[in-house]
PDB file of N, CA and C in Angstrom:
ATOM      1  N   MET A   1      82.332 119.209 135.244  1.00  0.00           N
ATOM      2  CA  MET A   1      83.533 118.969 134.588  1.00  0.00           C
ATOM      3  C   MET A   1      84.679 120.133 134.940  1.00  0.00           C
ATOM      4  N   ASN A   2      85.798 119.599 135.227  1.00  0.00           N
ATOM      5  CA  ASN A   2      86.569 120.637 135.529  1.00  0.00           C
ATOM      6  C   ASN A   2      87.188 121.148 134.516  1.00  0.00           C
ATOM      7  N   GLU A   3      88.059 122.534 134.489  1.00  0.00           N
ATOM      8  CA  GLU A   3      88.465 123.149 133.304  1.00  0.00           C
ATOM      9  C   GLU A   3      89.309 122.385 132.408  1.00  0.00           C
ATOM     10  N   ASP A   4      90.272 121.886 133.037  1.00  0.00           N
ATOM     11  CA  ASP A   4      91.194 120.799 132.389  1.00  0.00           C
ATOM     12  C   ASP A   4      90.454 119.811 131.349  1.00  0.00           C
ATOM     13  N   ASN A   5      89.596 119.180 131.894  1.00  0.00           N
ATOM     14  CA  ASN A   5      88.744 118.172 131.223  1.00  0.00           C
ATOM     15  C   ASN A   5      88.074 118.824 130.240  1.00  0.00           C
ATOM     16  N   ALA A   6      87.340 120.121 130.326  1.00  0.00           N
ATOM     17  CA  ALA A   6      86.552 120.517 129.390  1.00  0.00           C
ATOM     18  C   ALA A   6      87.443 121.212 128.064  1.00  0.00           C
ATOM     19  N   ASN A   7      88.533 121.417 128.482  1.00  0.00           N
ATOM     20  CA  ASN A   7      89.553 121.784 127.424  1.00  0.00           C
ATOM     21  C   ASN A   7      89.926 120.487 126.598  1.00  0.00           C
ATOM     22  N   THR A   8      90.228 119.378 127.304  1.00  0.00           N
ATOM     23  CA  THR A   8      90.479 118.166 126.622  1.00  0.00           C
ATOM     24  C   THR A   8      89.263 117.718 126.035  1.00  0.00           C
ATOM     25  N   VAL A   9      88.216 117.702 126.081  1.00  0.00           N
ATOM     26  CA  VAL A   9      86.945 117.232 125.591  1.00  0.00           C
ATOM     27  C   VAL A   9      87.131 118.177 124.147  1.00  0.00           C
ATOM     28  N   LYS A  10      87.271 119.301 124.450  1.00  0.00           N
ATOM     29  CA  LYS A  10      87.128 120.352 123.326  1.00  0.00           C
ATOM     30  C   LYS A  10      88.190 120.143 122.020  1.00  0.00           C
ATOM     31  N   ILE A  11      89.246 119.790 122.583  1.00  0.00           N
ATOM     32  CA  ILE A  11      90.457 119.590 121.581  1.00  0.00           C
ATOM     33  C   ILE A  11      90.202 118.203 120.963  1.00  0.00           C
ATOM     34  N   LEU A  12      89.770 117.178 121.813  1.00  0.00           N
ATOM     35  CA  LEU A  12      89.303 115.769 121.035  1.00  0.00           C
ATOM     36  C   LEU A  12      88.230 116.103 120.107  1.00  0.00           C
ATOM     37  N   ARG A  13      87.298 116.733 120.256  1.00  0.00           N
ATOM     38  CA  ARG A  13      86.265 117.175 119.325  1.00  0.00           C
ATOM     39  C   ARG A  13      86.718 117.827 118.071  1.00  0.00           C
ATOM     40  N   ASP A  14      87.889 118.495 118.029  1.00  0.00           N
ATOM     41  CA  ASP A  14      88.208 119.009 117.015  1.00  0.00           C
ATOM     42  C   ASP A  14      89.348 118.454 116.334  1.00  0.00           C
ATOM     43  N   THR A  15      88.845 117.189 115.716  1.00  0.00           N
ATOM     44  CA  THR A  15      90.001 116.304 115.273  1.00  0.00           C
ATOM     45  C   THR A  15      90.687 116.871 113.874  1.00  0.00           C
ATOM     46  N   SER A  16      90.024 117.953 113.213  1.00  0.00           N
ATOM     47  CA  SER A  16      90.536 118.473 112.237  1.00  0.00           C
ATOM     48  C   SER A  16      92.170 119.199 112.400  1.00  0.00           C
ATOM     49  N   MET A  17      92.251 119.515 113.687  1.00  0.00           N
ATOM     50  CA  MET A  17      93.479 120.034 113.949  1.00  0.00           C
ATOM     51  C   MET A  17      94.669 119.117 114.010  1.00  0.00           C
ATOM     52  N   TYR A  18      94.330 117.716 114.018  1.00  0.00           N
ATOM     53  CA  TYR A  18      95.357 116.491 114.189  1.00  0.00           C
ATOM     54  C   TYR A  18      96.066 116.170 112.778  1.00  0.00           C
ATOM     55  N   ASP A  19      97.383 116.149 113.138  1.00  0.00           N
ATOM     56  CA  ASP A  19      98.264 115.390 112.079  1.00  0.00           C
ATOM     57  C   ASP A  19      98.240 114.050 112.754  1.00  0.00           C
ATOM     58  N   TYR A  20      98.927 113.063 111.960  1.00  0.00           N
ATOM     59  CA  TYR A  20      99.225 111.905 112.787  1.00  0.00           C
ATOM     60  C   TYR A  20     100.592 111.222 112.010  1.00  0.00           C
ATOM     61  N   HIS A  21     101.283 110.583 113.036  1.00  0.00           N
ATOM     62  CA  HIS A  21     102.508 109.814 112.526  1.00  0.00           C
ATOM     63  C   HIS A  21     102.247 108.306 112.694  1.00  0.00           C
ATOM     64  N   ALA A  22     102.562 107.796 111.917  1.00  0.00           N
ATOM     65  CA  ALA A  22     102.600 106.114 111.898  1.00  0.00           C
ATOM     66  C   ALA A  22     104.030 105.636 111.864  1.00  0.00           C
ATOM     67  N   HIS A  23     104.649 105.021 112.682  1.00  0.00           N
ATOM     68  CA  HIS A  23     106.092 104.573 112.738  1.00  0.00           C
ATOM     69  C   HIS A  23     105.846 103.025 112.397  1.00  0.00           C
ATOM     70  N   ILE A  24     106.541 102.621 111.481  1.00  0.00           N
ATOM     71  CA  ILE A  24     106.454 101.109 110.907  1.00  0.00           C
ATOM     72  C   ILE A  24     107.988 100.605 111.533  1.00  0.00           C
ATOM     73  N   TYR A  25     108.091  99.833 112.363  1.00  0.00           N
ATOM     74  CA  TYR A  25     109.229  99.268 112.966  1.00  0.00           C
ATOM     75  C   TYR A  25     109.713  98.061 112.234  1.00  0.00           C
ATOM     76  N   PHE A  26     111.099  97.681 112.018  1.00  0.00           N
ATOM     77  CA  PHE A  26     111.469  96.766 111.319  1.00  0.00           C
ATOM     78  C   PHE A  26     112.777  96.239 111.848  1.00  0.00           C
ATOM     79  N   ASP A  27     113.518  95.467 111.373  1.00  0.00           N
ATOM     80  CA  ASP A  27     114.911  94.940 111.785  1.00  0.00           C
ATOM     81  C   ASP A  27     115.528  94.472 110.445  1.00  0.00           C
ATOM     82  N   GLU A  28     116.745  94.071 110.658  1.00  0.00           N
ATOM     83  CA  GLU A  28     117.628  93.567 109.549  1.00  0.00           C
ATOM     84  C   GLU A  28     116.874  92.241 108.861  1.00  0.00           C
ATOM     85  N   ALA A  29     116.295  91.560 109.630  1.00  0.00           N
ATOM     86  CA  ALA A  29     115.475  90.300 108.802  1.00  0.00           C
ATOM     87  C   ALA A  29     114.347  90.904 108.070  1.00  0.00           C
ATOM     88  N   THR A  30     113.678  91.904 108.554  1.00  0.00           N
ATOM     89  CA  THR A  30     112.376  92.449 107.955  1.00  0.00           C
ATOM     90  C   THR A  30     112.489  93.531 107.046  1.00  0.00           C
ATOM     91  N   LYS A  31     113.687  94.259 106.557  1.00  0.00           N
ATOM     92  CA  LYS A  31     113.780  95.321 106.295  1.00  0.00           C
ATOM     93  C   LYS A  31     113.407  95.525 104.718  1.00  0.00           C
ATOM     94  N   ASP A  32     113.351  94.396 104.064  1.00  0.00           N
ATOM     95  CA  ASP A  32     112.806  94.433 102.536  1.00  0.00           C
ATOM     96  C   ASP A  32     111.364  94.331 102.734  1.00  0.00           C
ATOM     97  N   ILE A  33     110.521  93.779 103.798  1.00  0.00           N
ATOM     98  CA  ILE A  33     109.313  93.764 103.871  1.00  0.00           C
ATOM     99  C   ILE A  33     108.900  95.197 104.218  1.00  0.00           C
ATOM    100  N   ALA A  34     109.662  95.914 104.998  1.00  0.00           N
ATOM    101  CA  ALA A  34     109.020  97.165 105.254  1.00  0.00           C
ATOM    102  C   ALA A  34     109.446  98.047 104.200  1.00  0.00           C
ATOM    103  N   TRP A  35     110.433  97.899 103.473  1.00  0.00           N
ATOM    104  CA  TRP A  35     110.580  98.683 102.173  1.00  0.00           C
ATOM    105  C   TRP A  35     109.479  98.711 101.285  1.00  0.00           C
ATOM    106  N   SER A  36     108.847  97.370 101.169  1.00  0.00           N
ATOM    107  CA  SER A  36     107.913  97.227 100.222  1.00  0.00           C
ATOM    108  C   SER A  36     106.623  97.548 100.677  1.00  0.00           C
ATOM    109  N   ILE A  37     106.459  97.711 102.060  1.00  0.00           N
ATOM    110  CA  ILE A  37     105.340  98.394 102.733  1.00  0.00           C
ATOM    111  C   ILE A  37     105.293 100.072 102.389  1.00  0.00           C
ATOM    112  N   ARG A  38     106.464 100.526 102.580  1.00  0.00           N
ATOM    113  CA  ARG A  38     106.644 101.887 102.248  1.00  0.00           C
ATOM    114  C   ARG A  38     106.416 102.277 100.783  1.00  0.00           C
ATOM    115  N   GLU A  39     106.832 101.531  99.908  1.00  0.00           N
ATOM    116  CA  GLU A  39     106.547 101.685  98.324  1.00  0.00           C
ATOM    117  C   GLU A  39     105.027 101.810  98.127  1.00  0.00           C
ATOM    118  N   GLN A  40     104.348 100.585  99.029  1.00  0.00           N
ATOM    119  CA  GLN A  40     103.066 100.525  98.407  1.00  0.00           C
ATOM    120  C   GLN A  40     102.358 101.858  99.184  1.00  0.00           C
ATOM    121  N   ILE A  41     102.576 102.448 100.323  1.00  0.00           N
ATOM    122  CA  ILE A  41     101.993 103.467 100.964  1.00  0.00           C
ATOM    123  C   ILE A  41     102.189 104.862  99.887  1.00  0.00           C
ATOM    124  N   GLU A  42     103.462 105.037  99.549  1.00  0.00           N
ATOM    125  CA  GLU A  42     103.899 106.028  98.645  1.00  0.00           C
ATOM    126  C   GLU A  42     102.964 106.036  97.328  1.00  0.00           C
ATOM    127  N   LYS A  43     102.735 104.754  96.696  1.00  0.00           N
ATOM    128  CA  LYS A  43     102.014 104.315  95.788  1.00  0.00           C
ATOM    129  C   LYS A  43     100.418 105.039  95.969  1.00  0.00           C
ATOM    130  N   ASN A  44      99.743 104.379  97.089  1.00  0.00           N
ATOM    131  CA  ASN A  44      98.394 104.865  97.290  1.00  0.00           C
ATOM    132  C   ASN A  44      98.332 105.908  97.775  1.00  0.00           C
ATOM    133  N   TRP A  45      99.098 106.758  98.346  1.00  0.00           N
ATOM    134  CA  TRP A  45      98.977 108.114  99.055  1.00  0.00           C
ATOM    135  C   TRP A  45     100.191 109.126  98.641  1.00  0.00           C
ATOM    136  N   PRO A  46     100.458 109.412  97.429  1.00  0.00           N
ATOM    137  CA  PRO A  46     101.460 110.290  96.876  1.00  0.00           C
ATOM    138  C   PRO A  46     101.714 111.565  97.592  1.00  0.00           C
ATOM    139  N   ASP A  47     100.606 112.157  98.133  1.00  0.00           N
ATOM    140  CA  ASP A  47     100.630 113.509  98.939  1.00  0.00           C
ATOM    141  C   ASP A  47     101.097 113.360 100.406  1.00  0.00           C
ATOM    142  N   ILE A  48     101.283 112.363 100.850  1.00  0.00           N
ATOM    143  CA  ILE A  48     101.713 112.340 102.296  1.00  0.00           C
ATOM    144  C   ILE A  48     103.320 112.772 102.492  1.00  0.00           C
ATOM    145  N   ASP A  49     103.623 112.692 103.687  1.00  0.00           N
ATOM    146  CA  ASP A  49     105.213 113.062 103.851  1.00  0.00           C
ATOM    147  C   ASP A  49     105.817 111.651 104.280  1.00  0.00           C
ATOM    148  N   MET A  50     106.742 111.131 103.756  1.00  0.00           N
ATOM    149  CA  MET A  50     107.312 110.047 104.083  1.00  0.00           C
ATOM    150  C   MET A  50     108.469 110.075 104.562  1.00  0.00           C
ATOM    151  N   GLY A  51     108.929 109.926 105.884  1.00  0.00           N
ATOM    152  CA  GLY A  51     110.081 109.991 106.721  1.00  0.00           C
ATOM    153  C   GLY A  51     111.378 108.999 106.123  1.00  0.00           C
ATOM    154  N   ARG A  52     112.332 109.411 106.723  1.00  0.00           N
ATOM    155  CA  ARG A  52     113.712 108.517 106.456  1.00  0.00           C
ATOM    156  C   ARG A  52     113.337 106.908 106.668  1.00  0.00           C
ATOM    157  N   PHE A  53     114.201 105.988 106.234  1.00  0.00           N
ATOM    158  CA  PHE A  53     114.119 104.770 106.397  1.00  0.00           C
ATOM    159  C   PHE A  53     115.269 104.617 107.236  1.00  0.00           C
ATOM    160  N   TRP A  54     114.838 104.656 108.696  1.00  0.00           N
ATOM    161  CA  TRP A  54     116.196 104.571 109.778  1.00  0.00           C
ATOM    162  C   TRP A  54     116.680 103.356 109.946  1.00  0.00           C
ATOM    163  N   GLU A  55     117.836 102.756 109.788  1.00  0.00           N
ATOM    164  CA  GLU A  55     118.395 101.365 110.032  1.00  0.00           C
ATOM    165  C   GLU A  55     119.011 101.731 111.287  1.00  0.00           C
ATOM    166  N   ARG A  56     118.560 102.280 112.273  1.00  0.00           N
ATOM    167  CA  ARG A  56     118.841 102.407 113.633  1.00  0.00           C
ATOM    168  C   ARG A  56     117.939 103.026 114.400  1.00  0.00           C
ATOM    169  N   ASN A  57     117.948 103.004 115.684  1.00  0.00           N
ATOM    170  CA  ASN A  57     116.801 103.486 116.625  1.00  0.00           C
ATOM    171  C   ASN A  57     117.157 104.775 116.630  1.00  0.00           C
ATOM    172  N   VAL A  58     115.951 105.670 116.358  1.00  0.00           N
ATOM    173  CA  VAL A  58     115.966 106.746 116.467  1.00  0.00           C
ATOM    174  C   VAL A  58     114.895 107.537 117.463  1.00  0.00           C
ATOM    175  N   GLY A  59     115.316 108.330 118.202  1.00  0.00           N
ATOM    176  CA  GLY A  59     114.377 109.145 119.219  1.00  0.00           C
ATOM    177  C   GLY A  59     113.979 108.039 120.296  1.00  0.00           C
ATOM    178  N   PRO A  60     112.754 108.173 120.382  1.00  0.00           N
ATOM    179  CA  PRO A  60     112.093 107.200 121.514  1.00  0.00           C
ATOM    180  C   PRO A  60     111.972 105.813 120.961  1.00  0.00           C
ATOM    181  N   HIS A  61     112.238 105.639 119.718  1.00  0.00           N
ATOM    182  CA  HIS A  61     111.657 104.349 119.191  1.00  0.00           C
ATOM    183  C   HIS A  61     112.751 103.284 119.438  1.00  0.00           C
ATOM    184  N   PRO A  62     112.216 102.020 119.842  1.00  0.00           N
ATOM    185  CA  PRO A  62     113.051 101.056 120.243  1.00  0.00           C
ATOM    186  C   PRO A  62     113.547 100.161 119.219  1.00  0.00           C
ATOM    187  N   ARG A  63     113.356 100.572 117.748  1.00  0.00           N
ATOM    188  CA  ARG A  63     113.621  99.660 116.888  1.00  0.00           C
ATOM    189  C   ARG A  63     113.748 100.363 115.494  1.00  0.00           C
ATOM    190  N   TRP A  64     114.462 100.028 114.558  1.00  0.00           N
ATOM    191  CA  TRP A  64     114.521 100.807 113.105  1.00  0.00           C
ATOM    192  C   TRP A  64     113.065 100.835 112.861  1.00  0.00           C
ATOM    193  N   SER A  65     113.013 102.098 111.948  1.00  0.00           N
ATOM    194  CA  SER A  65     111.658 102.612 111.496  1.00  0.00           C
ATOM    195  C   SER A  65     111.698 103.501 110.332  1.00  0.00           C
ATOM    196  N   PHE A  66     110.469 103.615 109.817  1.00  0.00           N
ATOM    197  CA  PHE A  66     110.456 104.785 109.040  1.00  0.00           C
ATOM    198  C   PHE A  66     108.813 105.430 109.419  1.00  0.00           C
ATOM    199  N   GLN A  67     108.885 106.733 109.403  1.00  0.00           N
ATOM    200  CA  GLN A  67     107.537 107.193 109.700  1.00  0.00           C
ATOM    201  C   GLN A  67     107.005 107.848 108.481  1.00  0.00           C
ATOM    202  N   VAL A  68     105.490 107.567 108.542  1.00  0.00           N
ATOM    203  CA  VAL A  68     104.541 108.112 107.654  1.00  0.00           C
ATOM    204  C   VAL A  68     103.568 109.316 108.521  1.00  0.00           C
ATOM    205  N   ALA A  69     103.845 110.710 107.828  1.00  0.00           N
ATOM    206  CA  ALA A  69     103.030 111.590 108.457  1.00  0.00           C
ATOM    207  C   ALA A  69     101.791 111.841 107.532  1.00  0.00           C
ATOM    208  N   PHE A  70     100.670 112.087 108.133  1.00  0.00           N
ATOM    209  CA  PHE A  70      99.343 112.234 107.364  1.00  0.00           C
ATOM    210  C   PHE A  70      98.361 113.161 108.131  1.00  0.00           C
ATOM    211  N   HIS A  71      97.248 113.487 107.196  1.00  0.00           N
ATOM    212  CA  HIS A  71      96.310 114.427 107.809  1.00  0.00           C
ATOM    213  C   HIS A  71      95.307 113.591 108.256  1.00  0.00           C
ATOM    214  N   HIS A  72      94.199 114.248 108.983  1.00  0.00           N
ATOM    215  CA  HIS A  72      93.100 113.849 109.664  1.00  0.00           C
ATOM    216  C   HIS A  72      92.282 113.142 108.636  1.00  0.00           C
ATOM    217  N   LYS A  73      91.992 113.586 107.383  1.00  0.00           N
ATOM    218  CA  LYS A  73      91.488 113.235 106.262  1.00  0.00           C
ATOM    219  C   LYS A  73      91.947 111.977 105.802  1.00  0.00           C
ATOM    220  N   ASP A  74      92.984 111.493 106.032  1.00  0.00           N
ATOM    221  CA  ASP A  74      93.579 110.387 105.533  1.00  0.00           C
ATOM    222  C   ASP A  74      93.706 109.184 106.637  1.00  0.00           C
ATOM    223  N   PHE A  75      93.134 109.474 107.745  1.00  0.00           N
ATOM    224  CA  PHE A  75      93.351 108.750 108.869  1.00  0.00           C
ATOM    225  C   PHE A  75      92.663 107.331 108.821  1.00  0.00           C
ATOM    226  N   ALA A  76      91.474 107.339 108.588  1.00  0.00           N
ATOM    227  CA  ALA A  76      90.749 106.124 108.540  1.00  0.00           C
ATOM    228  C   ALA A  76      91.252 105.254 107.400  1.00  0.00           C
ATOM    229  N   ASP A  77      91.511 105.620 106.169  1.00  0.00           N
ATOM    230  CA  ASP A  77      91.959 105.046 105.118  1.00  0.00           C
ATOM    231  C   ASP A  77      93.528 104.524 105.209  1.00  0.00           C
ATOM    232  N   ILE A  78      94.350 105.171 105.993  1.00  0.00           N
ATOM    233  CA  ILE A  78      95.908 104.692 106.138  1.00  0.00           C
ATOM    234  C   ILE A  78      95.859 103.801 107.388  1.00  0.00           C
ATOM    235  N   THR A  79      94.942 104.005 108.329  1.00  0.00           N
ATOM    236  CA  THR A  79      94.989 103.242 109.445  1.00  0.00           C
ATOM    237  C   THR A  79      94.306 101.865 109.050  1.00  0.00           C
ATOM    238  N   LYS A  80      93.265 101.663 108.348  1.00  0.00           N
ATOM    239  CA  LYS A  80      92.810 100.392 107.881  1.00  0.00           C
ATOM    240  C   LYS A  80      93.573  99.756 106.939  1.00  0.00           C
ATOM    241  N   TRP A  81      94.298 100.498 106.091  1.00  0.00           N
ATOM    242  CA  TRP A  81      95.247  99.929 105.263  1.00  0.00           C
ATOM    243  C   TRP A  81      96.463  99.170 106.127  1.00  0.00           C
ATOM    244  N   LEU A  82      96.873  99.905 107.132  1.00  0.00           N
ATOM    245  CA  LEU A  82      98.063  99.065 107.850  1.00  0.00           C
ATOM    246  C   LEU A  82      97.670  98.234 108.592  1.00  0.00           C
ATOM    247  N   MET A  83      96.222  98.158 109.081  1.00  0.00           N
ATOM    248  CA  MET A  83      95.839  96.982 109.815  1.00  0.00           C
ATOM    249  C   MET A  83      96.105  95.656 109.259  1.00  0.00           C
ATOM    250  N   PHE A  84      95.597  95.884 107.730  1.00  0.00           N
ATOM    251  CA  PHE A  84      95.596  94.595 106.956  1.00  0.00           C
ATOM    252  C   PHE A  84      96.927  94.486 106.023  1.00  0.00           C
ATOM    253  N   ASN A  85      97.649  95.503 105.995  1.00  0.00           N
ATOM    254  CA  ASN A  85      98.982  95.134 105.086  1.00  0.00           C
ATOM    255  C   ASN A  85     100.296  95.388 105.905  1.00  0.00           C
ATOM    256  N   ARG A  86     100.334  95.282 107.133  1.00  0.00           N
ATOM    257  CA  ARG A  86     101.547  95.551 107.839  1.00  0.00           C
ATOM    258  C   ARG A  86     102.441  94.470 107.940  1.00  0.00           C
ATOM    259  N   LYS A  87     102.094  93.214 107.539  1.00  0.00           N
ATOM    260  CA  LYS A  87     102.716  91.883 107.387  1.00  0.00           C
ATOM    261  C   LYS A  87     103.350  91.686 108.525  1.00  0.00           C
ATOM    262  N   ASP A  88     102.750  91.570 109.544  1.00  0.00           N
ATOM    263  CA  ASP A  88     103.193  91.159 110.933  1.00  0.00           C
ATOM    264  C   ASP A  88     104.402  92.035 111.651  1.00  0.00           C
ATOM    265  N   LEU A  89     104.672  93.440 110.930  1.00  0.00           N
ATOM    266  CA  LEU A  89     105.467  94.346 111.432  1.00  0.00           C
ATOM    267  C   LEU A  89     104.667  95.165 112.601  1.00  0.00           C
ATOM    268  N   VAL A  90     105.415  95.797 113.694  1.00  0.00           N
ATOM    269  CA  VAL A  90     104.821  96.394 114.650  1.00  0.00           C
ATOM    270  C   VAL A  90     104.565  97.933 113.905  1.00  0.00           C
ATOM    271  N   VAL A  91     103.280  98.469 113.995  1.00  0.00           N
ATOM    272  CA  VAL A  91     103.255  99.938 113.688  1.00  0.00           C
ATOM    273  C   VAL A  91     102.719 100.640 115.191  1.00  0.00           C
ATOM    274  N   PHE A  92     103.297 101.710 115.229  1.00  0.00           N
ATOM    275  CA  PHE A  92     102.896 102.788 116.277  1.00  0.00           C
ATOM    276  C   PHE A  92     102.536 103.869 115.784  1.00  0.00           C
ATOM    277  N   LEU A  93     101.220 104.307 115.972  1.00  0.00           N
ATOM    278  CA  LEU A  93     100.479 105.326 115.390  1.00  0.00           C
ATOM    279  C   LEU A  93     100.194 106.413 116.408  1.00  0.00           C
ATOM    280  N   HIS A  94     100.245 107.764 116.365  1.00  0.00           N
ATOM    281  CA  HIS A  94     100.021 108.440 117.156  1.00  0.00           C
ATOM    282  C   HIS A  94      99.644 110.041 116.714  1.00  0.00           C
ATOM    283  N   PRO A  95      98.806 110.638 117.563  1.00  0.00           N
ATOM    284  CA  PRO A  95      98.448 112.187 116.798  1.00  0.00           C
ATOM    285  C   PRO A  95      99.422 113.056 117.214  1.00  0.00           C
ATOM    286  N   GLN A  96      99.372 114.137 116.321  1.00  0.00           N
ATOM    287  CA  GLN A  96     100.317 115.044 116.708  1.00  0.00           C
ATOM    288  C   GLN A  96      99.402 116.407 117.231  1.00  0.00           C
ATOM    289  N   SER A  97      99.269 116.423 118.444  1.00  0.00           N
ATOM    290  CA  SER A  97      98.285 117.349 119.153  1.00  0.00           C
ATOM    291  C   SER A  97      99.039 118.611 119.626  1.00  0.00           C
ATOM    292  N   GLY A  98     100.351 118.588 119.793  1.00  0.00           N
ATOM    293  CA  GLY A  98     101.130 119.765 120.294  1.00  0.00           C
ATOM    294  C   GLY A  98     101.575 119.287 121.544  1.00  0.00           C
ATOM    295  N   ASP A  99     101.217 118.079 122.231  1.00  0.00           N
ATOM    296  CA  ASP A  99     101.584 117.616 123.493  1.00  0.00           C
ATOM    297  C   ASP A  99     102.503 116.300 123.133  1.00  0.00           C
ATOM    298  N   GLU A 100     103.708 116.419 122.854  1.00  0.00           N
ATOM    299  CA  GLU A 100     104.481 115.258 122.064  1.00  0.00           C
ATOM    300  C   GLU A 100     104.407 114.184 123.385  1.00  0.00           C
ATOM    301  N   LEU A 101     104.529 114.371 124.487  1.00  0.00           N
ATOM    302  CA  LEU A 101     104.561 113.338 125.648  1.00  0.00           C
ATOM    303  C   LEU A 101     103.398 112.444 125.690  1.00  0.00           C
ATOM    304  N   ALA A 102     102.265 113.316 125.673  1.00  0.00           N
ATOM    305  CA  ALA A 102     100.972 112.643 125.931  1.00  0.00           C
ATOM    306  C   ALA A 102     100.772 112.067 124.609  1.00  0.00           C
ATOM    307  N   ASP A 103     101.293 112.446 123.652  1.00  0.00           N
ATOM    308  CA  ASP A 103     100.633 111.872 122.067  1.00  0.00           C
ATOM    309  C   ASP A 103     101.522 110.449 121.956  1.00  0.00           C
ATOM    310  N   HIS A 104     102.731 110.472 122.622  1.00  0.00           N
ATOM    311  CA  HIS A 104     103.414 109.029 122.551  1.00  0.00           C
ATOM    312  C   HIS A 104     103.062 108.345 123.700  1.00  0.00           C
ATOM    313  N   ARG A 105     102.731 108.633 124.923  1.00  0.00           N
ATOM    314  CA  ARG A 105     102.562 107.904 126.030  1.00  0.00           C
ATOM    315  C   ARG A 105     100.950 107.596 126.175  1.00  0.00           C
ATOM    316  N   ASP A 106     100.002 108.623 126.107  1.00  0.00           N
ATOM    317  CA  ASP A 106      98.775 108.393 126.389  1.00  0.00           C
ATOM    318  C   ASP A 106      97.847 107.983 125.203  1.00  0.00           C
ATOM    319  N   HIS A 107      98.015 108.458 123.997  1.00  0.00           N
ATOM    320  CA  HIS A 107      97.113 108.401 122.965  1.00  0.00           C
ATOM    321  C   HIS A 107      97.542 107.681 121.730  1.00  0.00           C
ATOM    322  N   PRO A 108      98.489 106.720 121.851  1.00  0.00           N
ATOM    323  CA  PRO A 108      98.729 105.884 120.643  1.00  0.00           C
ATOM    324  C   PRO A 108      97.955 104.699 120.260  1.00  0.00           C
ATOM    325  N   ILE A 109      98.071 104.272 119.115  1.00  0.00           N
ATOM    326  CA  ILE A 109      97.426 103.057 118.774  1.00  0.00           C
ATOM    327  C   ILE A 109      98.542 102.162 118.425  1.00  0.00           C
ATOM    328  N   TRP A 110      98.662 101.065 118.774  1.00  0.00           N
ATOM    329  CA  TRP A 110      99.716  99.974 118.709  1.00  0.00           C
ATOM    330  C   TRP A 110      99.021  98.775 117.808  1.00  0.00           C
ATOM    331  N   MET A 111      99.803  98.543 116.511  1.00  0.00           N
ATOM    332  CA  MET A 111      99.282  97.451 115.767  1.00  0.00           C
ATOM    333  C   MET A 111     100.317  96.127 116.037  1.00  0.00           C
ATOM    334  N   GLY A 112     100.212  95.013 116.519  1.00  0.00           N
ATOM    335  CA  GLY A 112     101.022  94.149 116.806  1.00  0.00           C
ATOM    336  C   GLY A 112     101.578  94.311 118.224  1.00  0.00           C
ATOM    337  N   GLU A 113     102.578  93.891 118.703  1.00  0.00           N
ATOM    338  CA  GLU A 113     103.292  93.995 119.900  1.00  0.00           C
ATOM    339  C   GLU A 113     103.456  95.451 120.345  1.00  0.00           C
ATOM    340  N   LYS A 114     102.896  95.727 121.715  1.00  0.00           N
ATOM    341  CA  LYS A 114     103.400  97.009 122.334  1.00  0.00           C
ATOM    342  C   LYS A 114     104.641  97.081 122.701  1.00  0.00           C
ATOM    343  N   LEU A 115     105.539  98.057 122.290  1.00  0.00           N
ATOM    344  CA  LEU A 115     106.920  98.200 122.729  1.00  0.00           C
ATOM    345  C   LEU A 115     107.089  99.382 123.669  1.00  0.00           C
ATOM    346  N   GLN A 116     108.216  99.086 124.360  1.00  0.00           N
ATOM    347  CA  GLN A 116     108.585 100.181 125.417  1.00  0.00           C
ATOM    348  C   GLN A 116     109.255 101.455 124.827  1.00  0.00           C
ATOM    349  N   LEU A 117     108.894 102.525 124.770  1.00  0.00           N
ATOM    350  CA  LEU A 117     109.343 103.644 124.145  1.00  0.00           C
ATOM    351  C   LEU A 117     110.239 104.407 124.970  1.00  0.00           C
ATOM    352  N   ASP A 118     111.304 105.024 124.620  1.00  0.00           N
ATOM    353  CA  ASP A 118     112.335 105.547 125.816  1.00  0.00           C
ATOM    354  C   ASP A 118     111.704 107.240 125.781  1.00  0.00           C
ATOM    355  N   LEU A 119     110.592 107.419 126.616  1.00  0.00           N
ATOM    356  CA  LEU A 119     110.276 108.957 126.636  1.00  0.00           C
ATOM    357  C   LEU A 119     110.907 109.802 127.586  1.00  0.00           C
ATOM    358  N   SER A 120     112.000 109.427 127.808  1.00  0.00           N
ATOM    359  CA  SER A 120     112.912 110.469 128.857  1.00  0.00           C
ATOM    360  C   SER A 120     113.175 111.798 128.317  1.00  0.00           C
ATOM    361  N   MET A 121     113.468 111.865 127.009  1.00  0.00           N
ATOM    362  CA  MET A 121     113.754 113.197 126.404  1.00  0.00           C
ATOM    363  C   MET A 121     112.440 114.009 126.431  1.00  0.00           C
ATOM    364  N   MET A 122     111.346 113.602 126.097  1.00  0.00           N
ATOM    365  CA  MET A 122     110.080 114.312 126.263  1.00  0.00           C
ATOM    366  C   MET A 122     109.698 114.655 127.371  1.00  0.00           C
ATOM    367  N   GLU A 123     109.954 113.611 128.419  1.00  0.00           N
ATOM    368  CA  GLU A 123     109.529 113.971 129.762  1.00  0.00           C
ATOM    369  C   GLU A 123     110.370 115.261 130.293  1.00  0.00           C
ATOM    370  N   LYS A 124     111.736 115.257 130.046  1.00  0.00           N
ATOM    371  CA  LYS A 124     112.410 116.478 130.345  1.00  0.00           C
ATOM    372  C   LYS A 124     112.133 117.719 129.746  1.00  0.00           C
ATOM    373  N   LYS A 125     111.483 117.577 128.481  1.00  0.00           N
ATOM    374  CA  LYS A 125     111.102 118.694 127.739  1.00  0.00           C
ATOM    375  C   LYS A 125     109.656 119.494 128.399  1.00  0.00           C
ATOM    376  N   SER A 126     108.977 118.445 129.040  1.00  0.00           N
ATOM    377  CA  SER A 126     107.634 118.769 129.554  1.00  0.00           C
ATOM    378  C   SER A 126     107.732 119.412 130.884  1.00  0.00           C
ATOM    379  N   ARG A 127     108.810 119.187 131.426  1.00  0.00           N
ATOM    380  CA  ARG A 127     108.935 119.801 132.906  1.00  0.00           C
ATOM    381  C   ARG A 127     109.019 121.125 132.964  1.00  0.00           C
TER     382      ARG A 127
END
């Protein structure tokens, strides 16, 4: 195994270092559904960090969204909850490993339709 692969395996095994972001996408027609999901998440996990409810595209995200930031200890519970309670909204979930581009491009989990992110700003930073 070369050194890069060995470092990647070491990082992936140490999942305690990760935080995660789940981005729940919505639009004008589904914003009430998104707000309801947000309220349920806040009720079930009062200690997680809830991001703004953006009614415009922000960063690399191709739709309106809100972000849920959480720790590894909550990963299984929140991910499973989103799988069954996203009400047909698209969810984009990624780790926060320190490599923003790889986290968004190479390591995400999509629930629902896989959308095209605008990664150009991250690609410029990684050069």
